[in-house]
Amino acid sequence: MATVTRVLSRIERASLAIAAGFTVAAGIARYGGWPSGVAFAAATIALASLAHIVSFATEQVGRRFGPAVTGVLQSTLGNLPELFIVVFALRAGETVVAQTSIIGSLFANALLVLGLVIVVGARQAGDGVMRFQRRLPNDTATLLLLTVFIIVLVGLSLGSHDPASTHVKTISAIAAVALLAVYLSWVIPYLRGDSAPAGPAEPAAAEVARAQLPLIAAVALLSVAGVASAFVSDWFVTALTPAMAGIGVSKAFAGLVVVAIAGNAVENVTGIVLAAKGNADLAVSVVKNSVAQIAAFLYPVLVLISLLLAHQLTFALAPVYIGALVLTALSVWQVTGDGEAVAFEGWALVATYVVLATVALYE
């Protein structure tokens, strides 16, 4: 046990050093006139390493609570880089990057990350079946389907050119408020019904539940990493367009894949690590809470924030992404709705994401 703690401590110290070093390098690259490719690479690594630090600090805070509180806290702070990226992209007039990065985050978490978590978790289980509580997957499916309903409705209106299609911004703003109200009506009772982890019959969960940092230190680390993420996100967006143009990648692919994966590095790392430790409920909670938050909290919040900017974000999407969202919501509900999953179902979700990313490459 002591050896594991020492190894984890060395890893986290190394992560802090990498985050600090690449954050400084990203700042120098941004204001020192470095080539866009180098600036983009430095900002990407800095953003991912800061996301890992946020993940670690959030887990330290969340270990004092149950999986519901931990998952919501992890997802909320883990989505901070994504929030900053979209705001700065809108401010820079990159509406395609802003919109595709939001839906890209949904795809990345609901397909790629969840699929990998299921693969790792199923292999960790003795009988090859990853088991978890059913409530969160079903609740997440409901929230995701509600968001998809709004997106499909707006898409049909625009496609048929009916009178409502001229009021997409107003409809999006009202829908954003409605989504936030539904999300709050779900998350408050969900958090109140949380229970502490780490029972004596669950050694893996007990292992995860041990906190290494004092609460004040964990909160301070979260604050510093969150502020740094805001700056790095600005530098990331600034370097994104010239870097992607230099290698011939479309803005749709940049937002849907590159920005989405970098902005959701927290869930990429944390969910898989927790699944590998055998803590299926917490692993699924982190990923599923992120999906719910992006769909029913982050997206509508950004729609409302964009009303204050020159470029607005709405629920109007290209038909190919509308169809992909519908199929994603149905796939996630089918795979996780029964509270268990096997490895091939995880690989199916990952394969779905790979095909989607390939389509985005040629958009």
Protein backbone atom coordinates (compact mmCIF):
# COMPACT_ATOMS: atom_id res chain seq x y z
CA MET A 1 0.00 0.00 0.00
CA ALA A 2 2.78 2.40 0.94
CA THR A 3 4.56 1.60 -2.31
CA VAL A 4 1.43 2.38 -4.34
CA THR A 5 1.04 5.69 -2.49
CA ARG A 6 4.65 6.60 -3.19
CA VAL A 7 4.26 5.76 -6.90
CA LEU A 8 1.08 7.81 -7.16
CA SER A 9 2.79 10.70 -5.38
CA ARG A 10 5.66 10.63 -7.88
CA ILE A 11 3.21 10.52 -10.77
CA GLU A 12 1.28 13.49 -9.47
CA ARG A 13 4.46 15.45 -8.82
CA ALA A 14 5.57 14.73 -12.37
CA SER A 15 2.13 15.79 -13.65
CA LEU A 16 2.38 19.09 -11.78
CA ALA A 17 5.84 19.72 -13.25
CA ILE A 18 4.63 18.91 -16.78
CA ALA A 19 1.54 21.11 -16.39
CA ALA A 20 3.58 24.04 -15.08
CA GLY A 21 6.30 23.66 -17.70
CA PHE A 22 4.00 23.42 -20.71
CA THR A 23 1.72 26.20 -19.42
CA VAL A 24 4.73 28.52 -19.29
CA ALA A 25 5.86 27.26 -22.71
CA ALA A 26 2.37 27.84 -24.16
CA GLY A 27 2.38 31.41 -22.82
CA ILE A 28 5.83 32.10 -24.27
CA ALA A 29 4.77 30.59 -27.60
CA ARG A 30 1.62 32.72 -27.67
CA TYR A 31 3.30 36.05 -26.97
CA GLY A 32 6.76 35.24 -28.33
CA GLY A 33 5.69 34.81 -31.93
CA TRP A 34 6.52 31.10 -32.13
CA PRO A 35 5.26 29.07 -35.14
CA SER A 36 1.56 28.23 -34.84
CA GLY A 37 2.20 24.49 -34.90
CA VAL A 38 4.57 24.69 -31.94
CA ALA A 39 2.24 27.04 -30.05
CA PHE A 40 -0.72 24.73 -30.69
CA ALA A 41 1.22 21.63 -29.54
CA ALA A 42 2.38 23.37 -26.36
CA ALA A 43 -1.13 24.62 -25.57
CA THR A 44 -2.62 21.18 -26.25
CA ILE A 45 -0.22 19.41 -23.88
CA ALA A 46 -0.66 22.16 -21.28
CA LEU A 47 -4.44 21.89 -21.50
CA ALA A 48 -4.41 18.09 -21.19
CA SER A 49 -1.97 18.14 -18.26
CA LEU A 50 -3.98 20.84 -16.49
CA ALA A 51 -7.09 18.72 -17.04
CA HIS A 52 -5.30 15.84 -15.32
CA ILE A 53 -4.41 18.09 -12.38
CA VAL A 54 -8.04 19.22 -12.14
CA SER A 55 -9.04 15.56 -12.26
CA PHE A 56 -6.67 14.60 -9.44
CA ALA A 57 -7.62 17.54 -7.21
CA THR A 58 -11.32 17.03 -7.82
CA GLU A 59 -11.00 13.35 -6.95
CA GLN A 60 -9.24 14.33 -3.71
CA VAL A 61 -12.13 16.64 -2.80
CA GLY A 62 -14.74 14.16 -3.96
CA ARG A 63 -13.34 11.26 -1.96
CA ARG A 64 -14.95 12.80 1.10
CA PHE A 65 -18.34 12.14 -0.50
CA GLY A 66 -20.21 9.44 -2.44
CA PRO A 67 -20.06 8.65 -6.17
CA ALA A 68 -22.85 11.09 -7.10
CA VAL A 69 -21.20 14.16 -5.55
CA THR A 70 -17.78 13.04 -6.77
CA GLY A 71 -19.01 12.47 -10.32
CA VAL A 72 -20.81 15.81 -10.54
CA LEU A 73 -17.85 17.69 -9.03
CA GLN A 74 -15.38 15.93 -11.29
CA SER A 75 -17.45 16.62 -14.40
CA THR A 76 -18.21 20.24 -13.52
CA LEU A 77 -14.59 21.24 -13.00
CA GLY A 78 -13.37 18.89 -15.70
CA ASN A 79 -15.56 20.74 -18.21
CA LEU A 80 -14.05 24.13 -17.33
CA PRO A 81 -11.48 23.98 -20.17
CA GLU A 82 -14.30 23.18 -22.63
CA LEU A 83 -16.30 26.17 -21.36
CA PHE A 84 -13.34 28.51 -21.83
CA ILE A 85 -12.48 27.08 -25.25
CA VAL A 86 -16.00 27.67 -26.60
CA VAL A 87 -16.26 31.19 -25.15
CA PHE A 88 -12.91 32.21 -26.61
CA ALA A 89 -13.77 30.56 -29.94
CA LEU A 90 -17.03 32.53 -30.14
CA ARG A 91 -15.21 35.72 -29.21
CA ALA A 92 -12.75 35.04 -32.03
CA GLY A 93 -15.62 34.44 -34.47
CA GLU A 94 -14.89 30.71 -34.78
CA THR A 95 -18.53 29.60 -34.53
CA VAL A 96 -17.91 26.30 -36.34
CA VAL A 97 -15.16 25.36 -33.87
CA ALA A 98 -17.33 26.47 -30.94
CA GLN A 99 -20.38 24.46 -32.00
CA THR A 100 -18.56 21.33 -33.11
CA SER A 101 -16.46 21.28 -29.95
CA ILE A 102 -19.63 21.16 -27.84
CA ILE A 103 -21.22 18.29 -29.74
CA GLY A 104 -17.77 16.77 -30.12
CA SER A 105 -17.53 16.66 -26.33
CA LEU A 106 -20.82 14.77 -26.25
CA PHE A 107 -19.58 12.28 -28.84
CA ALA A 108 -16.16 11.90 -27.21
CA ASN A 109 -17.59 11.20 -23.75
CA ALA A 110 -20.66 9.18 -24.76
CA LEU A 111 -18.84 7.03 -27.33
CA LEU A 112 -15.04 7.08 -27.05
CA VAL A 113 -14.50 7.54 -23.31
CA LEU A 114 -17.50 5.50 -22.19
CA GLY A 115 -16.53 2.75 -24.62
CA LEU A 116 -12.97 2.58 -23.26
CA VAL A 117 -14.26 2.66 -19.67
CA ILE A 118 -16.54 -0.31 -20.44
CA VAL A 119 -13.70 -2.24 -22.11
CA VAL A 120 -11.36 -1.69 -19.15
CA GLY A 121 -14.08 -2.24 -16.55
CA ALA A 122 -15.32 -5.46 -18.17
CA ARG A 123 -11.80 -6.87 -18.28
CA GLN A 124 -11.32 -5.93 -14.63
CA ALA A 125 -14.48 -7.82 -13.63
CA GLY A 126 -14.03 -11.48 -12.83
CA ASP A 127 -16.82 -12.68 -15.14
CA GLY A 128 -16.17 -10.14 -17.90
CA VAL A 129 -19.29 -8.10 -17.13
CA MET A 130 -18.99 -4.53 -15.83
CA ARG A 131 -21.87 -3.82 -13.45
CA PHE A 132 -23.03 -0.42 -12.18
CA GLN A 133 -26.13 1.26 -10.83
CA ARG A 134 -28.84 1.80 -13.45
CA ARG A 135 -30.24 5.14 -12.29
CA LEU A 136 -27.51 7.44 -13.61
CA PRO A 137 -27.30 5.85 -17.11
CA ASN A 138 -31.09 6.08 -17.49
CA ASP A 139 -31.23 9.64 -16.14
CA THR A 140 -28.40 10.65 -18.48
CA ALA A 141 -30.26 9.10 -21.42
CA THR A 142 -33.34 11.17 -20.56
CA LEU A 143 -31.37 14.42 -20.40
CA LEU A 144 -29.51 13.61 -23.60
CA LEU A 145 -32.72 12.72 -25.43
CA LEU A 146 -34.31 16.00 -24.30
CA THR A 147 -31.38 17.96 -25.75
CA VAL A 148 -31.52 15.90 -28.95
CA PHE A 149 -35.28 16.55 -29.19
CA ILE A 150 -34.63 20.30 -29.21
CA ILE A 151 -31.84 19.96 -31.78
CA VAL A 152 -33.98 17.76 -34.07
CA LEU A 153 -36.94 20.13 -33.78
CA VAL A 154 -34.79 23.15 -34.71
CA GLY A 155 -33.24 21.18 -37.57
CA LEU A 156 -36.65 20.17 -38.96
CA SER A 157 -37.85 23.76 -38.72
CA LEU A 158 -34.84 25.04 -40.63
CA GLY A 159 -35.05 22.24 -43.17
CA SER A 160 -38.71 22.91 -43.94
CA HIS A 161 -38.28 26.72 -43.84
CA ASP A 162 -41.41 27.12 -41.69
CA PRO A 163 -42.13 30.44 -39.93
CA ALA A 164 -40.38 29.32 -36.73
CA SER A 165 -37.09 28.93 -38.62
CA THR A 166 -36.60 32.71 -38.58
CA HIS A 167 -36.58 32.72 -34.77
CA VAL A 168 -33.88 30.13 -34.06
CA LYS A 169 -31.97 32.40 -31.67
CA THR A 170 -35.07 33.08 -29.58
CA ILE A 171 -36.10 29.43 -29.62
CA SER A 172 -32.58 28.41 -28.60
CA ALA A 173 -32.55 30.85 -25.69
CA ILE A 174 -35.93 29.65 -24.38
CA ALA A 175 -34.90 26.01 -24.86
CA ALA A 176 -31.65 26.70 -22.98
CA VAL A 177 -33.57 28.01 -19.97
CA ALA A 178 -35.91 25.00 -20.10
CA LEU A 179 -32.97 22.59 -20.26
CA LEU A 180 -31.27 24.24 -17.29
CA ALA A 181 -34.48 24.02 -15.26
CA VAL A 182 -34.80 20.30 -16.03
CA TYR A 183 -31.13 19.70 -15.21
CA LEU A 184 -31.43 21.43 -11.84
CA SER A 185 -34.62 19.52 -11.06
CA TRP A 186 -32.61 16.32 -11.61
CA VAL A 187 -29.20 17.10 -10.13
CA ILE A 188 -30.37 18.47 -6.76
CA PRO A 189 -32.31 15.34 -5.69
CA TYR A 190 -29.56 13.20 -7.24
CA LEU A 191 -26.93 14.82 -5.03
CA ARG A 192 -29.12 14.70 -1.94
CA GLY A 193 -29.58 10.97 -2.40
CA ASP A 194 -25.83 10.33 -2.53
CA SER A 195 -24.19 7.84 -0.22
CA ALA A 196 -20.59 7.55 0.83
CA PRO A 197 -18.41 4.96 -0.88
CA ALA A 198 -15.87 2.54 0.53
CA GLY A 199 -17.69 -0.21 2.36
CA PRO A 200 -15.64 -3.01 3.99
CA ALA A 201 -16.76 -5.50 1.34
CA GLU A 202 -15.46 -3.26 -1.46
CA PRO A 203 -11.66 -3.09 -1.20
CA ALA A 204 -11.28 -1.51 -4.64
CA ALA A 205 -13.71 1.25 -3.77
CA ALA A 206 -12.02 1.71 -0.41
CA GLU A 207 -8.69 2.06 -2.20
CA VAL A 208 -10.12 4.84 -4.37
CA ALA A 209 -11.85 6.54 -1.46
CA ARG A 210 -8.62 7.30 0.44
CA ALA A 211 -7.75 10.98 0.15
CA GLN A 212 -4.09 11.94 -0.15
CA LEU A 213 -4.41 15.74 0.08
CA PRO A 214 -5.97 17.88 2.80
CA LEU A 215 -9.21 19.49 1.67
CA ILE A 216 -7.76 23.03 1.66
CA ALA A 217 -4.77 21.95 -0.45
CA ALA A 218 -7.04 20.16 -2.94
CA VAL A 219 -9.30 23.22 -3.27
CA ALA A 220 -6.27 25.50 -3.76
CA LEU A 221 -4.89 23.18 -6.44
CA LEU A 222 -8.27 23.20 -8.18
CA SER A 223 -8.41 26.98 -8.16
CA VAL A 224 -4.93 27.44 -9.60
CA ALA A 225 -5.46 24.79 -12.29
CA GLY A 226 -8.85 26.29 -13.21
CA VAL A 227 -7.41 29.79 -13.65
CA ALA A 228 -4.50 28.44 -15.67
CA SER A 229 -6.95 26.51 -17.87
CA ALA A 230 -8.70 29.77 -18.74
CA PHE A 231 -5.49 31.35 -20.04
CA VAL A 232 -4.31 28.22 -21.85
CA SER A 233 -7.72 27.81 -23.52
CA ASP A 234 -7.37 31.30 -25.02
CA TRP A 235 -3.90 30.47 -26.35
CA PHE A 236 -5.19 27.12 -27.63
CA VAL A 237 -7.97 28.73 -29.68
CA THR A 238 -5.59 31.42 -31.00
CA ALA A 239 -3.17 28.80 -32.32
CA LEU A 240 -5.84 26.35 -33.49
CA THR A 241 -6.91 27.83 -36.84
CA PRO A 242 -3.45 28.41 -38.38
CA ALA A 243 -2.20 25.07 -37.05
CA MET A 244 -5.13 23.12 -38.52
CA ALA A 245 -4.88 25.04 -41.81
CA GLY A 246 -1.20 24.18 -41.97
CA ILE A 247 -1.90 20.43 -41.90
CA GLY A 248 -5.05 20.64 -44.03
CA VAL A 249 -7.58 19.65 -41.35
CA SER A 250 -11.09 21.12 -41.51
CA LYS A 251 -12.53 23.29 -38.75
CA ALA A 252 -15.28 20.72 -38.24
CA PHE A 253 -12.73 17.98 -37.51
CA ALA A 254 -10.71 20.34 -35.32
CA GLY A 255 -13.74 21.13 -33.18
CA LEU A 256 -15.37 17.71 -33.24
CA VAL A 257 -12.24 15.68 -32.49
CA VAL A 258 -9.13 17.69 -31.56
CA VAL A 259 -10.75 20.30 -29.31
CA ALA A 260 -13.26 17.82 -27.86
CA ILE A 261 -10.61 15.30 -26.82
CA ALA A 262 -8.22 17.94 -25.45
CA GLY A 263 -11.00 19.74 -23.58
CA ASN A 264 -12.26 16.48 -22.07
CA ALA A 265 -8.93 15.02 -21.06
CA VAL A 266 -10.21 14.83 -17.47
CA GLU A 267 -12.84 12.22 -18.31
CA ASN A 268 -10.43 10.47 -20.69
CA VAL A 269 -7.97 9.89 -17.85
CA THR A 270 -10.13 9.64 -14.75
CA GLY A 271 -12.88 7.32 -15.98
CA ILE A 272 -10.42 4.78 -17.40
CA VAL A 273 -8.22 4.86 -14.29
CA LEU A 274 -11.21 4.34 -12.00
CA ALA A 275 -12.48 1.49 -14.18
CA ALA A 276 -9.05 -0.14 -14.03
CA LYS A 277 -9.20 0.07 -10.22
CA GLY A 278 -12.49 -1.84 -10.26
CA ASN A 279 -14.62 1.13 -9.16
CA ALA A 280 -17.32 0.73 -11.81
CA ASP A 281 -19.93 3.01 -10.22
CA LEU A 282 -17.55 5.94 -9.84
CA ALA A 283 -16.04 5.44 -13.30
CA VAL A 284 -19.47 5.43 -14.94
CA SER A 285 -20.55 8.34 -12.72
CA VAL A 286 -17.69 10.53 -13.93
CA VAL A 287 -18.33 9.85 -17.62
CA LYS A 288 -22.12 9.84 -17.47
CA ASN A 289 -22.25 13.03 -15.40
CA SER A 290 -20.06 14.68 -18.00
CA VAL A 291 -22.46 13.64 -20.77
CA ALA A 292 -25.44 14.94 -18.79
CA GLN A 293 -23.67 18.20 -17.95
CA ILE A 294 -22.54 18.92 -21.49
CA ALA A 295 -25.98 18.18 -22.94
CA ALA A 296 -28.25 19.80 -20.35
CA PHE A 297 -26.00 22.31 -18.58
CA LEU A 298 -22.88 23.39 -20.48
CA TYR A 299 -24.54 23.65 -23.92
CA PRO A 300 -27.51 25.76 -22.72
CA VAL A 301 -25.26 27.91 -20.51
CA LEU A 302 -23.04 28.67 -23.49
CA VAL A 303 -26.11 29.47 -25.62
CA LEU A 304 -27.13 32.06 -23.03
CA ILE A 305 -23.58 33.42 -22.61
CA SER A 306 -23.29 33.83 -26.38
CA LEU A 307 -26.19 36.31 -26.29
CA LEU A 308 -23.69 38.77 -24.82
CA LEU A 309 -21.20 38.20 -27.65
CA ALA A 310 -21.10 39.26 -31.29
CA HIS A 311 -21.43 35.65 -32.45
CA GLN A 312 -24.25 33.51 -31.08
CA LEU A 313 -24.41 29.78 -30.36
CA THR A 314 -27.72 28.05 -31.12
CA PHE A 315 -29.16 24.53 -31.26
CA ALA A 316 -29.07 24.58 -35.07
CA LEU A 317 -26.72 21.87 -36.36
CA ALA A 318 -25.84 20.30 -39.70
CA PRO A 319 -28.12 17.34 -40.58
CA VAL A 320 -25.27 14.81 -40.38
CA TYR A 321 -24.57 15.78 -36.76
CA ILE A 322 -28.26 15.77 -35.87
CA GLY A 323 -28.51 12.19 -37.10
CA ALA A 324 -25.31 11.24 -35.26
CA LEU A 325 -26.64 12.70 -32.00
CA VAL A 326 -29.91 10.77 -32.29
CA LEU A 327 -28.08 7.49 -32.89
CA THR A 328 -25.59 8.26 -30.11
CA ALA A 329 -28.37 8.83 -27.56
CA LEU A 330 -30.06 5.58 -28.55
CA SER A 331 -26.78 3.62 -28.51
CA VAL A 332 -25.79 4.87 -25.06
CA TRP A 333 -29.23 4.08 -23.66
CA GLN A 334 -29.18 0.59 -25.16
CA VAL A 335 -25.66 -0.27 -23.91
CA THR A 336 -25.88 1.09 -20.35
CA GLY A 337 -29.59 1.17 -19.54
CA ASP A 338 -29.59 -2.31 -17.97
CA GLY A 339 -26.77 -1.52 -15.52
CA GLU A 340 -24.18 -3.82 -17.06
CA ALA A 341 -21.95 -3.99 -20.13
CA VAL A 342 -19.39 -6.29 -21.70
CA ALA A 343 -16.22 -5.47 -23.62
CA PHE A 344 -17.63 -5.85 -27.13
CA GLU A 345 -20.29 -3.20 -26.34
CA GLY A 346 -17.50 -0.84 -25.35
CA TRP A 347 -15.63 -1.57 -28.57
CA ALA A 348 -18.86 -0.94 -30.50
CA LEU A 349 -19.09 2.56 -28.99
CA VAL A 350 -15.42 3.24 -29.79
CA ALA A 351 -15.91 2.04 -33.38
CA THR A 352 -18.92 4.34 -33.73
CA TYR A 353 -16.76 7.28 -32.66
CA VAL A 354 -14.00 6.36 -35.12
CA VAL A 355 -16.48 6.30 -38.02
CA LEU A 356 -17.94 9.64 -36.93
CA ALA A 357 -14.48 11.21 -36.69
CA THR A 358 -13.70 9.92 -40.19
CA VAL A 359 -16.83 11.58 -41.56
CA ALA A 360 -15.88 14.84 -39.80
CA LEU A 361 -12.42 14.69 -41.39
CA TYR A 362 -14.01 15.14 -44.82
CA GLU A 363 -16.64 17.70 -43.82
